[in-house]
Amino acid sequence: FPMEQKGVLRTNCIDCLDRTNVAQFSAGVGALAQQLVVMGIRSSVKLDPASNIVRVLIDMYVEIGDHISLQYGGSEAHKKKLKL
């Protein structure tokens, strides 16, 4: 795996912060899996959706989604469960 960033991923849904957060989460799981392999922590880039590390990442994205939604819309995010 290359260890140098080659680009930037930008996502946004024009009418829904929740969908944007779900898209970012999906990309984040893939990036995390690759980073763990490069660091020698894992040997596979596939992460089990029920694993503790994915659950922690879900919790982080839920919290981030709430903060962003409060800033832009004045209420917490509506979609609290991320489906893998």
N, C-alpha and C. Protein backbone atom coordinates (compact mmCIF):
# COMPACT_ATOMS: atom_id res chain seq x y z
N PHE A 1 0.84 -1.20 0.00
CA PHE A 1 0.00 0.00 0.00
C PHE A 1 0.87 1.25 0.00
N PRO A 2 0.51 2.24 -0.80
CA PRO A 2 1.26 3.49 -0.76
C PRO A 2 1.04 4.18 0.59
N MET A 3 2.08 4.81 1.07
CA MET A 3 1.99 5.48 2.36
C MET A 3 1.96 6.99 2.20
N GLU A 4 1.60 7.46 1.03
CA GLU A 4 1.55 8.89 0.77
C GLU A 4 0.17 9.22 0.22
N GLN A 5 -0.41 10.27 0.74
CA GLN A 5 -1.73 10.68 0.25
C GLN A 5 -1.63 11.15 -1.19
N LYS A 6 -2.52 10.67 -2.03
CA LYS A 6 -2.50 11.00 -3.46
C LYS A 6 -3.67 11.88 -3.88
N GLY A 7 -4.61 12.11 -2.99
CA GLY A 7 -5.78 12.90 -3.38
C GLY A 7 -6.65 13.22 -2.19
N VAL A 8 -7.81 13.77 -2.49
CA VAL A 8 -8.76 14.19 -1.47
C VAL A 8 -10.13 13.64 -1.86
N LEU A 9 -10.87 13.16 -0.90
CA LEU A 9 -12.23 12.71 -1.14
C LEU A 9 -13.18 13.73 -0.52
N ARG A 10 -14.08 14.25 -1.34
CA ARG A 10 -15.06 15.20 -0.85
C ARG A 10 -16.43 14.66 -1.17
N THR A 11 -17.30 14.66 -0.18
CA THR A 11 -18.69 14.23 -0.41
C THR A 11 -19.62 15.26 0.18
N ASN A 12 -20.74 15.45 -0.48
CA ASN A 12 -21.81 16.20 0.15
C ASN A 12 -23.10 15.94 -0.60
N CYS A 13 -24.16 15.87 0.15
CA CYS A 13 -25.49 15.74 -0.42
C CYS A 13 -26.14 17.09 -0.24
N ILE A 14 -26.62 17.66 -1.30
CA ILE A 14 -27.09 19.04 -1.28
C ILE A 14 -28.23 19.28 -0.29
N ASP A 15 -29.01 18.24 0.01
CA ASP A 15 -30.17 18.46 0.88
C ASP A 15 -30.18 17.63 2.16
N CYS A 16 -29.11 16.89 2.45
CA CYS A 16 -29.19 16.00 3.60
C CYS A 16 -27.82 15.77 4.25
N LEU A 17 -27.64 16.35 5.43
CA LEU A 17 -26.39 16.14 6.17
C LEU A 17 -26.23 14.68 6.59
N ASP A 18 -27.34 14.01 6.90
CA ASP A 18 -27.27 12.62 7.33
C ASP A 18 -26.67 11.73 6.24
N ARG A 19 -27.11 11.92 4.99
CA ARG A 19 -26.56 11.11 3.89
C ARG A 19 -25.09 11.43 3.66
N THR A 20 -24.72 12.69 3.81
CA THR A 20 -23.31 13.08 3.67
C THR A 20 -22.48 12.36 4.73
N ASN A 21 -22.96 12.32 5.96
CA ASN A 21 -22.23 11.67 7.04
C ASN A 21 -22.10 10.17 6.80
N VAL A 22 -23.14 9.54 6.26
CA VAL A 22 -23.08 8.11 5.96
C VAL A 22 -22.04 7.85 4.87
N ALA A 23 -22.01 8.69 3.86
CA ALA A 23 -21.01 8.52 2.80
C ALA A 23 -19.60 8.70 3.35
N GLN A 24 -19.41 9.68 4.20
CA GLN A 24 -18.10 9.91 4.81
C GLN A 24 -17.70 8.71 5.68
N PHE A 25 -18.66 8.15 6.41
CA PHE A 25 -18.38 6.99 7.25
C PHE A 25 -17.91 5.82 6.40
N SER A 26 -18.59 5.56 5.30
CA SER A 26 -18.21 4.44 4.43
C SER A 26 -16.77 4.61 3.94
N ALA A 27 -16.42 5.81 3.52
CA ALA A 27 -15.05 6.07 3.09
C ALA A 27 -14.09 5.95 4.26
N GLY A 28 -14.52 6.39 5.44
CA GLY A 28 -13.68 6.33 6.63
C GLY A 28 -13.34 4.92 7.06
N VAL A 29 -14.29 4.00 6.94
CA VAL A 29 -14.03 2.60 7.28
C VAL A 29 -12.95 2.03 6.36
N GLY A 30 -13.07 2.33 5.08
CA GLY A 30 -12.06 1.85 4.13
C GLY A 30 -10.68 2.42 4.40
N ALA A 31 -10.64 3.72 4.70
CA ALA A 31 -9.36 4.37 5.00
C ALA A 31 -8.76 3.81 6.29
N LEU A 32 -9.59 3.63 7.31
CA LEU A 32 -9.10 3.08 8.58
C LEU A 32 -8.53 1.69 8.38
N ALA A 33 -9.23 0.85 7.62
CA ALA A 33 -8.75 -0.51 7.38
C ALA A 33 -7.39 -0.49 6.70
N GLN A 34 -7.24 0.36 5.70
CA GLN A 34 -5.96 0.44 5.00
C GLN A 34 -4.86 0.97 5.92
N GLN A 35 -5.17 1.95 6.74
CA GLN A 35 -4.18 2.49 7.67
C GLN A 35 -3.72 1.43 8.68
N LEU A 36 -4.64 0.61 9.15
CA LEU A 36 -4.28 -0.44 10.11
C LEU A 36 -3.35 -1.47 9.48
N VAL A 37 -3.56 -1.77 8.20
CA VAL A 37 -2.67 -2.71 7.49
C VAL A 37 -1.29 -2.08 7.33
N VAL A 38 -1.24 -0.84 6.91
CA VAL A 38 0.05 -0.17 6.70
C VAL A 38 0.83 -0.07 8.01
N MET A 39 0.13 0.12 9.12
CA MET A 39 0.80 0.22 10.42
C MET A 39 1.19 -1.14 10.98
N GLY A 40 0.78 -2.23 10.30
CA GLY A 40 1.12 -3.57 10.75
C GLY A 40 0.22 -4.11 11.85
N ILE A 41 -0.91 -3.45 12.08
CA ILE A 41 -1.83 -3.88 13.13
C ILE A 41 -2.74 -5.00 12.63
N ARG A 42 -3.08 -4.94 11.35
CA ARG A 42 -3.93 -5.96 10.74
C ARG A 42 -3.27 -6.45 9.46
N SER A 43 -3.68 -7.62 9.01
CA SER A 43 -3.13 -8.16 7.76
C SER A 43 -4.14 -8.08 6.62
N SER A 44 -5.37 -7.72 6.92
CA SER A 44 -6.43 -7.65 5.91
C SER A 44 -7.07 -6.27 5.92
N VAL A 45 -7.44 -5.78 4.73
CA VAL A 45 -8.10 -4.48 4.65
C VAL A 45 -9.61 -4.59 4.85
N LYS A 46 -10.09 -5.76 5.16
CA LYS A 46 -11.52 -5.95 5.42
C LYS A 46 -11.76 -5.91 6.93
N LEU A 47 -12.64 -5.01 7.36
CA LEU A 47 -12.99 -4.91 8.77
C LEU A 47 -14.37 -5.51 9.00
N ASP A 48 -14.51 -6.28 10.06
CA ASP A 48 -15.79 -6.85 10.44
C ASP A 48 -16.69 -5.71 10.96
N PRO A 49 -17.87 -5.54 10.40
CA PRO A 49 -18.77 -4.46 10.84
C PRO A 49 -19.13 -4.53 12.33
N ALA A 50 -19.04 -5.72 12.92
CA ALA A 50 -19.37 -5.88 14.34
C ALA A 50 -18.15 -5.69 15.24
N SER A 51 -16.99 -5.39 14.67
CA SER A 51 -15.78 -5.26 15.49
C SER A 51 -15.83 -4.00 16.36
N ASN A 52 -15.07 -4.04 17.44
CA ASN A 52 -15.04 -2.90 18.36
C ASN A 52 -14.55 -1.63 17.68
N ILE A 53 -13.56 -1.74 16.84
CA ILE A 53 -13.00 -0.54 16.21
C ILE A 53 -14.02 0.12 15.28
N VAL A 54 -14.83 -0.68 14.58
CA VAL A 54 -15.87 -0.11 13.72
C VAL A 54 -16.96 0.51 14.59
N ARG A 55 -17.29 -0.12 15.70
CA ARG A 55 -18.30 0.44 16.61
C ARG A 55 -17.84 1.80 17.17
N VAL A 56 -16.57 1.90 17.53
CA VAL A 56 -16.03 3.18 18.01
C VAL A 56 -16.10 4.23 16.91
N LEU A 57 -15.76 3.84 15.69
CA LEU A 57 -15.84 4.76 14.56
C LEU A 57 -17.28 5.22 14.34
N ILE A 58 -18.24 4.30 14.44
CA ILE A 58 -19.66 4.66 14.31
C ILE A 58 -20.02 5.71 15.36
N ASP A 59 -19.64 5.47 16.61
CA ASP A 59 -19.95 6.42 17.68
C ASP A 59 -19.36 7.79 17.39
N MET A 60 -18.15 7.81 16.86
CA MET A 60 -17.51 9.09 16.52
C MET A 60 -18.29 9.81 15.42
N TYR A 61 -18.69 9.08 14.39
CA TYR A 61 -19.44 9.70 13.29
C TYR A 61 -20.82 10.17 13.74
N VAL A 62 -21.48 9.44 14.63
CA VAL A 62 -22.77 9.88 15.16
C VAL A 62 -22.60 11.20 15.90
N GLU A 63 -21.57 11.27 16.74
CA GLU A 63 -21.33 12.51 17.50
C GLU A 63 -20.97 13.67 16.57
N ILE A 64 -20.10 13.42 15.60
CA ILE A 64 -19.74 14.46 14.65
C ILE A 64 -20.98 14.91 13.87
N GLY A 65 -21.80 13.94 13.45
CA GLY A 65 -23.02 14.27 12.72
C GLY A 65 -23.94 15.17 13.51
N ASP A 66 -24.07 14.91 14.80
CA ASP A 66 -24.89 15.77 15.66
C ASP A 66 -24.34 17.18 15.73
N HIS A 67 -23.05 17.30 15.91
CA HIS A 67 -22.44 18.63 16.00
C HIS A 67 -22.61 19.43 14.71
N ILE A 68 -22.38 18.78 13.59
CA ILE A 68 -22.53 19.47 12.30
C ILE A 68 -23.99 19.84 12.07
N SER A 69 -24.89 18.92 12.38
CA SER A 69 -26.31 19.19 12.19
C SER A 69 -26.78 20.34 13.09
N LEU A 70 -26.29 20.39 14.31
CA LEU A 70 -26.64 21.51 15.20
C LEU A 70 -26.15 22.84 14.64
N GLN A 71 -24.96 22.84 14.07
CA GLN A 71 -24.41 24.07 13.50
C GLN A 71 -25.22 24.55 12.29
N TYR A 72 -25.58 23.61 11.43
CA TYR A 72 -26.23 23.99 10.17
C TYR A 72 -27.75 24.04 10.26
N GLY A 73 -28.35 23.17 11.06
CA GLY A 73 -29.80 23.07 11.06
C GLY A 73 -30.48 23.35 12.38
N GLY A 74 -29.71 23.44 13.45
CA GLY A 74 -30.30 23.75 14.75
C GLY A 74 -30.85 22.55 15.50
N SER A 75 -30.68 21.34 14.98
CA SER A 75 -31.13 20.14 15.69
C SER A 75 -30.12 19.02 15.48
N GLU A 76 -30.24 17.98 16.31
CA GLU A 76 -29.34 16.84 16.16
C GLU A 76 -29.65 16.11 14.86
N ALA A 77 -28.71 15.28 14.44
CA ALA A 77 -28.90 14.49 13.23
C ALA A 77 -30.08 13.55 13.40
N HIS A 78 -30.80 13.29 12.33
CA HIS A 78 -31.97 12.41 12.38
C HIS A 78 -31.57 10.95 12.28
N LYS A 79 -30.56 10.66 11.48
CA LYS A 79 -30.14 9.28 11.24
C LYS A 79 -29.05 8.92 12.24
N LYS A 80 -29.42 8.19 13.29
CA LYS A 80 -28.48 7.85 14.36
C LYS A 80 -27.82 6.49 14.15
N LYS A 81 -28.41 5.63 13.36
CA LYS A 81 -27.87 4.28 13.14
C LYS A 81 -27.23 4.23 11.77
N LEU A 82 -25.96 3.90 11.74
CA LEU A 82 -25.27 3.72 10.46
C LEU A 82 -25.33 2.24 10.11
N LYS A 83 -25.81 1.93 8.93
CA LYS A 83 -25.88 0.54 8.49
C LYS A 83 -24.67 0.22 7.65
N LEU A 84 -24.07 -0.92 7.89
CA LEU A 84 -22.88 -1.32 7.15
C LEU A 84 -23.24 -2.28 6.06
